[in-house]
Amino acid sequence: MSFEEQPDFARQVADLNKYGQALNNCESVEEVVSLSLEAMSLLFEFPYTTFIEARDGDLRVVHSTYPEVSQGDAPGEVAYEAYESRETVVVTGEEAGEGEATVGSTLAVPATIVDDVVAIIVTRSVEDTGFGDAVVRPLEILASHAATAISNIRSRERLERARQDLEKRKEMVEMYDRLLRHDLGNDLQVVAAFAEEVASQVDGEARDYAERINRTARSSADLIQRVGDLVNTLEQQDEPTPRSLEATMTDVVEDARNQYETLTIEYDPEAFDYRVYGGDLLDSVFTNVITNAAVHNDGEVHVRVGVLEASGEQVIVSIADDGSGIPDSIADRLFEMGAKGPESDGTGFGLGFVKALTESYGGDIMVTNGDHGGADFHITLERV
């Protein structure tokens, strides 16, 4: 008999939904594990349950009510099989006990978000008749609730780490900003003023030198002011909130197409049907990267914008062009503030600004050589 044909189907679904709501309110993985084990005992009356967390390919037993398995132990073969196949695994007979004669059948259910396995719930029975659909289906529903809860907890943890890192960076940048603006900035204004006065009183080569000093001092002072403006922008960023990746990217692509006639953009909005964490300047991240292809390349440039990878926790956006690529002279420091190529007329702050913004959202950015000769930027954002 299938799960849906069970006489108490409606009650089981209601009970599972209640546990699902409770799991989504958990603040830690330990709470998720405790509540899941409680559900296994009360709803299904399974005394032997093991909860295994999967993180970055590493599987570890978090808790177990089965006497032969303890916290920190390596999971059994059935758990690894469920993890690698991303499918529910049922084993009966001698293989079920993995050396323990008292076990007749073992059930391993992977808790997945999209294609990512974040946990495996393993339960055992002394019977060797296996587990039917009436048991497997509700356990898969419970595992799905647990997976959602764990994924949300991990996202919150990463965002909190990103927020703390951003606060530390802000403190350091604020200190440098004060030093630059108030100390060096004021000194440069004095230098420029004296150089201008000297230039008005001398002629010939001396006048040329004085004017060059004046221009250099004012240019440096202007650069310091722009850095300060950038710092103020970053300081005003609020906590990341859920954003529509499709709506953001569609607006960016449309604006770029209207602004640059030499820029051709290949873009499929349906591929971006995700929600990610970002701020009011999320569009600036994509705008800077896309428009760089038009600004730093001569002639027509083709840009391909797509989703490189989407897991339960992250979305990686690829922005690749067929331009001349990244100059070797700045490849290693491309995302540093002020880094620019020898022939660039820009300030060199664009991609540094992009990296700072992306990291403030809990994400990251990197660049590789594209398949079409240009640069391929990979922008990673936290998925909601």
Protein backbone atom coordinates (compact mmCIF):
# COMPACT_ATOMS: atom_id res chain seq x y z
CA MET A 1 0.00 0.00 0.00
CA SER A 2 1.38 3.40 -0.96
CA PHE A 3 1.79 6.29 1.46
CA GLU A 4 -1.17 8.18 -0.02
CA GLU A 5 -3.44 5.12 0.37
CA GLN A 6 -2.78 4.78 4.10
CA PRO A 7 -5.91 5.25 6.23
CA ASP A 8 -4.11 7.82 8.41
CA PHE A 9 -2.52 9.63 5.45
CA ALA A 10 -4.04 13.04 6.28
CA ARG A 11 -2.92 12.87 9.91
CA GLN A 12 0.64 11.91 8.95
CA VAL A 13 0.88 14.76 6.47
CA ALA A 14 -0.41 17.20 9.10
CA ASP A 15 2.13 15.90 11.64
CA LEU A 16 4.97 16.16 9.12
CA ASN A 17 3.99 19.73 8.26
CA LYS A 18 4.01 20.69 11.93
CA TYR A 19 7.52 19.30 12.30
CA GLY A 20 8.49 21.06 9.08
CA GLN A 21 7.41 24.41 10.52
CA ALA A 22 9.24 23.69 13.76
CA LEU A 23 12.40 22.69 11.88
CA ASN A 24 12.38 25.94 9.93
CA ASN A 25 12.42 27.83 13.24
CA CYS A 26 15.56 26.05 14.46
CA GLU A 27 18.58 28.26 15.09
CA SER A 28 21.26 25.56 14.88
CA VAL A 29 21.98 22.24 13.18
CA GLU A 30 21.93 20.59 16.60
CA GLU A 31 18.31 21.70 17.05
CA VAL A 32 17.43 20.30 13.63
CA VAL A 33 19.01 16.96 14.54
CA SER A 34 17.23 16.76 17.89
CA LEU A 35 13.84 17.58 16.39
CA SER A 36 14.34 15.13 13.51
CA LEU A 37 15.20 12.30 15.90
CA GLU A 38 12.15 13.18 17.98
CA ALA A 39 9.96 12.92 14.87
CA MET A 40 11.49 9.57 13.96
CA SER A 41 10.64 8.22 17.40
CA LEU A 42 7.17 9.70 17.88
CA LEU A 43 5.76 9.59 14.34
CA PHE A 44 7.37 6.40 13.06
CA GLU A 45 8.34 4.61 16.27
CA PHE A 46 11.86 3.89 14.98
CA PRO A 47 14.17 3.50 17.99
CA TYR A 48 17.41 3.26 15.95
CA THR A 49 18.10 6.43 13.98
CA THR A 50 21.39 8.03 12.96
CA PHE A 51 21.65 11.63 11.70
CA ILE A 52 24.62 12.36 9.44
CA GLU A 53 25.58 15.86 8.31
CA ALA A 54 27.22 16.38 4.90
CA ARG A 55 29.35 19.48 4.38
CA ASP A 56 31.78 20.04 1.51
CA GLY A 57 31.91 16.32 0.75
CA ASP A 58 32.67 15.37 4.36
CA LEU A 59 30.16 13.12 6.17
CA ARG A 60 30.03 12.94 9.96
CA VAL A 61 27.66 11.38 12.46
CA VAL A 62 26.06 14.18 14.49
CA HIS A 63 23.86 12.02 16.72
CA SER A 64 22.64 8.45 16.86
CA THR A 65 20.18 6.45 18.95
CA TYR A 66 21.66 3.23 17.57
CA PRO A 67 24.00 1.82 20.27
CA GLU A 68 26.67 0.69 17.79
CA VAL A 69 27.10 4.17 16.26
CA SER A 70 28.32 7.22 18.18
CA GLN A 71 28.80 10.90 17.46
CA GLY A 72 31.92 11.48 15.38
CA ASP A 73 31.99 7.94 13.94
CA ALA A 74 32.45 7.39 10.23
CA PRO A 75 29.11 6.67 8.51
CA GLY A 76 28.44 3.20 7.11
CA GLU A 77 28.45 2.18 3.46
CA VAL A 78 24.70 2.62 3.07
CA ALA A 79 24.98 6.30 4.06
CA TYR A 80 27.73 6.90 1.50
CA GLU A 81 25.65 5.15 -1.15
CA ALA A 82 22.68 7.42 -0.44
CA TYR A 83 24.98 10.47 -0.49
CA GLU A 84 26.62 9.63 -3.80
CA SER A 85 23.44 8.48 -5.57
CA ARG A 86 21.25 11.24 -4.02
CA GLU A 87 18.55 8.59 -3.78
CA THR A 88 16.93 6.66 -0.97
CA VAL A 89 18.70 3.34 -0.31
CA VAL A 90 17.16 0.24 1.31
CA VAL A 91 19.36 -2.70 2.28
CA THR A 92 18.15 -5.98 3.76
CA GLY A 93 19.81 -9.15 5.00
CA GLU A 94 23.42 -9.46 6.12
CA GLU A 95 24.52 -6.26 4.36
CA ALA A 96 21.97 -4.22 6.31
CA GLY A 97 23.71 -4.71 9.64
CA GLU A 98 27.23 -3.99 8.36
CA GLY A 99 28.56 -6.56 10.81
CA GLU A 100 25.70 -6.43 13.32
CA ALA A 101 23.55 -9.56 13.27
CA THR A 102 20.64 -7.88 15.10
CA VAL A 103 19.86 -5.59 12.13
CA GLY A 104 17.57 -6.99 9.44
CA SER A 105 17.09 -3.94 7.22
CA THR A 106 18.51 -0.44 6.91
CA LEU A 107 17.02 2.66 5.26
CA ALA A 108 19.13 5.70 4.29
CA VAL A 109 17.32 8.84 3.12
CA PRO A 110 19.35 11.78 1.72
CA ALA A 111 18.19 15.26 2.73
CA THR A 112 18.72 17.33 -0.41
CA ILE A 113 18.37 20.95 -1.54
CA VAL A 114 18.31 21.02 -5.34
CA ASP A 115 21.22 18.63 -6.06
CA ASP A 116 23.09 19.15 -2.79
CA VAL A 117 22.92 16.52 -0.06
CA VAL A 118 23.19 18.31 3.29
CA ALA A 119 22.35 15.33 5.52
CA ILE A 120 21.44 11.64 5.55
CA ILE A 121 18.93 10.09 7.92
CA VAL A 122 19.58 6.40 8.55
CA THR A 123 17.15 4.13 10.39
CA ARG A 124 17.41 0.43 11.15
CA SER A 125 14.98 -2.38 11.85
CA VAL A 126 15.38 -5.88 13.25
CA GLU A 127 12.99 -7.11 10.57
CA ASP A 128 14.46 -8.16 7.22
CA THR A 129 11.34 -7.35 5.21
CA GLY A 130 12.64 -3.95 4.16
CA PHE A 131 10.81 -0.62 4.15
CA GLY A 132 7.77 -0.02 1.98
CA ASP A 133 6.50 3.19 0.37
CA ALA A 134 4.30 3.88 3.39
CA VAL A 135 7.50 4.39 5.40
CA VAL A 136 9.90 5.70 2.76
CA ARG A 137 7.72 8.56 1.47
CA PRO A 138 7.03 10.25 4.83
CA LEU A 139 10.71 9.89 5.79
CA GLU A 140 11.68 11.59 2.54
CA ILE A 141 9.30 14.44 3.38
CA LEU A 142 10.86 14.78 6.84
CA ALA A 143 14.35 14.71 5.32
CA SER A 144 13.32 17.46 2.89
CA HIS A 145 12.18 19.66 5.80
CA ALA A 146 15.47 18.99 7.61
CA ALA A 147 17.47 19.85 4.48
CA THR A 148 15.68 23.19 4.08
CA ALA A 149 16.27 24.05 7.74
CA ILE A 150 19.99 23.20 7.59
CA SER A 151 20.47 25.10 4.34
CA ASN A 152 18.84 28.21 5.84
CA ILE A 153 21.01 27.95 8.96
CA ARG A 154 24.17 27.69 6.88
CA SER A 155 23.13 30.69 4.80
CA ARG A 156 22.56 32.75 7.94
CA GLU A 157 25.95 31.67 9.30
CA ARG A 158 27.74 32.69 6.10
CA LEU A 159 25.93 36.03 5.99
CA GLU A 160 26.85 36.70 9.60
CA ARG A 161 30.51 35.91 8.90
CA ALA A 162 30.39 38.18 5.88
CA ARG A 163 28.80 40.94 7.96
CA GLN A 164 31.51 40.64 10.64
CA ASP A 165 34.26 40.65 8.01
CA LEU A 166 32.69 43.71 6.41
CA GLU A 167 32.57 45.53 9.75
CA LYS A 168 36.26 44.85 10.34
CA ARG A 169 37.12 46.06 6.86
CA LYS A 170 35.02 49.16 7.33
CA GLU A 171 36.90 50.00 10.53
CA MET A 172 40.25 49.70 8.75
CA VAL A 173 39.09 51.62 5.70
CA GLU A 174 37.62 54.37 7.89
CA MET A 175 40.96 54.76 9.63
CA TYR A 176 42.84 55.03 6.34
CA ASP A 177 40.16 57.35 5.01
CA ARG A 178 40.61 59.72 7.94
CA LEU A 179 44.37 59.66 7.50
CA LEU A 180 44.16 60.26 3.76
CA ARG A 181 41.48 62.93 3.78
CA HIS A 182 42.47 64.92 6.83
CA ASP A 183 46.23 64.56 6.83
CA LEU A 184 47.51 63.80 3.36
CA GLY A 185 44.57 65.50 1.66
CA ASN A 186 45.15 68.75 3.51
CA ASP A 187 48.89 68.62 2.83
CA LEU A 188 48.27 68.14 -0.89
CA GLN A 189 46.00 71.18 -0.94
CA VAL A 190 48.83 73.21 0.62
CA VAL A 191 51.35 71.85 -1.91
CA ALA A 192 49.03 72.66 -4.81
CA ALA A 193 48.42 76.19 -3.53
CA PHE A 194 52.13 76.95 -3.08
CA ALA A 195 52.95 75.43 -6.48
CA GLU A 196 50.31 77.62 -8.12
CA GLU A 197 51.74 80.70 -6.40
CA VAL A 198 55.29 79.81 -7.48
CA ALA A 199 54.14 79.25 -11.07
CA SER A 200 52.64 82.76 -11.15
CA GLN A 201 55.97 84.32 -10.14
CA VAL A 202 58.48 82.44 -12.32
CA ASP A 203 58.98 81.73 -16.01
CA GLY A 204 60.50 79.11 -18.26
CA GLU A 205 61.48 75.67 -16.98
CA ALA A 206 60.82 76.61 -13.36
CA ARG A 207 57.23 77.55 -14.25
CA ASP A 208 56.74 74.20 -16.03
CA TYR A 209 57.94 72.33 -12.94
CA ALA A 210 55.69 74.32 -10.63
CA GLU A 211 52.64 73.73 -12.85
CA ARG A 212 53.41 70.00 -12.98
CA ILE A 213 53.62 69.90 -9.18
CA ASN A 214 50.29 71.70 -8.97
CA ARG A 215 48.56 69.30 -11.38
CA THR A 216 49.95 66.23 -9.64
CA ALA A 217 48.96 67.46 -6.18
CA ARG A 218 45.41 68.31 -7.28
CA SER A 219 45.06 64.98 -9.09
CA SER A 220 46.15 63.11 -5.96
CA ALA A 221 43.76 65.14 -3.81
CA ASP A 222 40.92 64.35 -6.23
CA LEU A 223 41.77 60.65 -6.08
CA ILE A 224 41.65 60.72 -2.27
CA GLN A 225 38.24 62.38 -2.45
CA ARG A 226 36.92 59.67 -4.77
CA VAL A 227 38.23 56.96 -2.46
CA GLY A 228 36.42 58.68 0.41
CA ASP A 229 33.18 58.79 -1.57
CA LEU A 230 33.55 55.06 -2.27
CA VAL A 231 34.06 54.35 1.43
CA ASN A 232 30.91 56.33 2.27
CA THR A 233 28.93 54.29 -0.26
CA LEU A 234 30.07 51.01 1.27
CA GLU A 235 29.36 52.26 4.80
CA GLN A 236 25.77 53.03 3.86
CA GLN A 237 25.06 49.49 2.66
CA ASP A 238 22.30 47.74 4.62
CA GLU A 239 22.15 44.07 5.55
CA PRO A 240 21.68 41.80 2.47
CA THR A 241 18.05 40.98 1.73
CA PRO A 242 16.38 38.56 -0.73
CA ARG A 243 16.44 39.90 -4.31
CA SER A 244 15.17 38.61 -7.64
CA LEU A 245 18.23 37.72 -9.70
CA GLU A 246 16.18 37.69 -12.91
CA ALA A 247 14.69 41.17 -12.38
CA THR A 248 18.07 42.65 -11.42
CA MET A 249 19.97 41.13 -14.33
CA THR A 250 17.26 41.96 -16.88
CA ASP A 251 17.41 45.66 -15.96
CA VAL A 252 21.22 45.65 -16.12
CA VAL A 253 21.32 43.96 -19.53
CA GLU A 254 18.68 46.29 -20.98
CA ASP A 255 20.55 49.38 -19.75
CA ALA A 256 23.88 48.12 -21.10
CA ARG A 257 22.37 47.36 -24.51
CA ASN A 258 20.93 50.87 -24.71
CA GLN A 259 24.16 52.51 -23.58
CA TYR A 260 26.71 50.73 -25.81
CA GLU A 261 25.97 50.13 -29.49
CA THR A 262 29.12 48.01 -29.91
CA LEU A 263 28.03 45.62 -27.15
CA THR A 264 26.04 42.46 -27.98
CA ILE A 265 24.72 40.57 -24.97
CA GLU A 266 23.51 36.96 -25.04
CA TYR A 267 21.09 36.54 -22.13
CA ASP A 268 18.19 34.22 -21.24
CA PRO A 269 16.04 35.65 -18.39
CA GLU A 270 14.46 32.27 -17.60
CA ALA A 271 17.87 30.88 -16.63
CA PHE A 272 18.03 33.46 -13.81
CA ASP A 273 14.86 32.47 -11.98
CA TYR A 274 16.52 32.55 -8.55
CA ARG A 275 16.41 34.70 -5.44
CA VAL A 276 19.73 35.74 -3.94
CA TYR A 277 20.93 37.88 -1.07
CA GLY A 278 22.02 41.37 -2.06
CA GLY A 279 21.66 45.08 -1.40
CA ASP A 280 20.53 48.17 -3.29
CA LEU A 281 23.79 48.17 -5.26
CA LEU A 282 23.57 44.56 -6.47
CA ASP A 283 22.91 45.83 -9.99
CA SER A 284 26.20 47.78 -9.84
CA VAL A 285 28.09 44.51 -9.47
CA PHE A 286 26.79 43.22 -12.80
CA THR A 287 26.84 46.63 -14.53
CA ASN A 288 30.53 47.18 -13.77
CA VAL A 289 31.55 43.79 -15.15
CA ILE A 290 29.37 43.89 -18.29
CA THR A 291 30.19 47.47 -19.28
CA ASN A 292 33.91 46.88 -18.68
CA ALA A 293 33.83 44.65 -21.76
CA ALA A 294 32.69 47.59 -23.89
CA VAL A 295 34.91 50.21 -22.26
CA HIS A 296 38.18 48.25 -22.32
CA ASN A 297 37.91 46.69 -25.78
CA ASP A 298 38.00 48.24 -29.23
CA GLY A 299 35.25 47.50 -31.76
CA GLU A 300 32.30 45.18 -31.30
CA VAL A 301 32.26 42.89 -28.26
CA HIS A 302 30.01 39.91 -27.56
CA VAL A 303 29.12 39.12 -23.93
CA ARG A 304 27.51 35.90 -22.73
CA VAL A 305 25.64 36.14 -19.43
CA GLY A 306 24.50 32.89 -17.85
CA VAL A 307 24.19 30.82 -14.69
CA LEU A 308 27.27 28.65 -14.43
CA GLU A 309 26.09 26.69 -11.41
CA ALA A 310 23.17 26.74 -8.97
CA SER A 311 23.18 24.71 -5.77
CA GLY A 312 20.90 24.83 -2.77
CA GLU A 313 23.13 27.42 -1.15
CA GLN A 314 24.74 29.45 -3.93
CA VAL A 315 24.26 30.73 -7.48
CA ILE A 316 27.30 31.36 -9.68
CA VAL A 317 26.80 33.86 -12.52
CA SER A 318 29.16 33.80 -15.50
CA ILE A 319 29.82 36.96 -17.53
CA ALA A 320 32.18 36.12 -20.42
CA ASP A 321 33.29 38.28 -23.35
CA ASP A 322 35.29 37.75 -26.53
CA GLY A 323 37.53 40.78 -26.03
CA SER A 324 41.26 41.01 -25.50
CA GLY A 325 41.21 39.55 -21.99
CA ILE A 326 42.93 40.75 -18.82
CA PRO A 327 46.39 42.32 -19.24
CA ASP A 328 49.11 40.18 -17.65
CA SER A 329 50.45 43.23 -15.82
CA ILE A 330 47.37 43.45 -13.55
CA ALA A 331 45.97 39.89 -13.65
CA ASP A 332 47.13 39.10 -10.09
CA ARG A 333 45.80 42.34 -8.58
CA LEU A 334 42.74 42.94 -10.74
CA PHE A 335 40.38 43.33 -7.77
CA GLU A 336 42.65 45.59 -5.75
CA MET A 337 41.49 49.18 -5.29
CA GLY A 338 43.25 51.38 -7.85
CA ALA A 339 44.55 48.55 -10.04
CA LYS A 340 44.35 49.32 -13.76
CA GLY A 341 46.07 48.47 -17.02
CA PRO A 342 48.84 50.61 -18.52
CA GLU A 343 46.51 52.02 -21.19
CA SER A 344 43.45 52.48 -18.99
CA ASP A 345 41.98 55.95 -18.49
CA GLY A 346 39.85 54.84 -15.54
CA THR A 347 40.42 55.11 -11.81
CA GLY A 348 41.00 51.39 -11.24
CA PHE A 349 38.35 51.28 -8.52
CA GLY A 350 35.52 49.64 -10.48
CA LEU A 351 36.35 45.98 -9.92
CA GLY A 352 37.67 46.65 -6.41
CA PHE A 353 34.28 48.18 -5.66
CA VAL A 354 32.57 45.14 -7.20
CA LYS A 355 34.55 42.74 -5.02
CA ALA A 356 33.86 44.74 -1.85
CA LEU A 357 30.13 44.81 -2.61
CA THR A 358 29.96 41.11 -3.50
CA GLU A 359 31.76 40.10 -0.32
CA SER A 360 29.44 42.32 1.74
CA TYR A 361 26.58 40.18 0.39
CA GLY A 362 28.31 36.98 1.50
CA GLY A 363 29.51 36.17 -2.03
CA ASP A 364 32.71 36.35 -4.05
CA ILE A 365 34.06 37.14 -7.52
CA MET A 366 36.87 35.66 -9.58
CA VAL A 367 38.02 35.81 -13.20
CA THR A 368 39.44 33.23 -15.61
CA ASN A 369 40.37 33.15 -19.28
CA GLY A 370 37.18 32.64 -21.28
CA ASP A 371 36.58 30.06 -24.00
CA HIS A 372 36.25 32.85 -26.58
CA GLY A 373 39.51 34.65 -25.90
CA GLY A 374 38.29 37.26 -23.42
CA ALA A 375 37.66 37.34 -19.70
CA ASP A 376 35.14 35.17 -17.86
CA PHE A 377 33.97 36.59 -14.52
CA HIS A 378 32.34 34.22 -12.01
CA ILE A 379 30.16 36.00 -9.45
CA THR A 380 29.00 33.85 -6.53
CA LEU A 381 25.97 34.93 -4.51
CA GLU A 382 24.12 33.36 -1.59
CA ARG A 383 20.89 31.74 -2.72
CA VAL A 384 17.70 32.33 -0.76
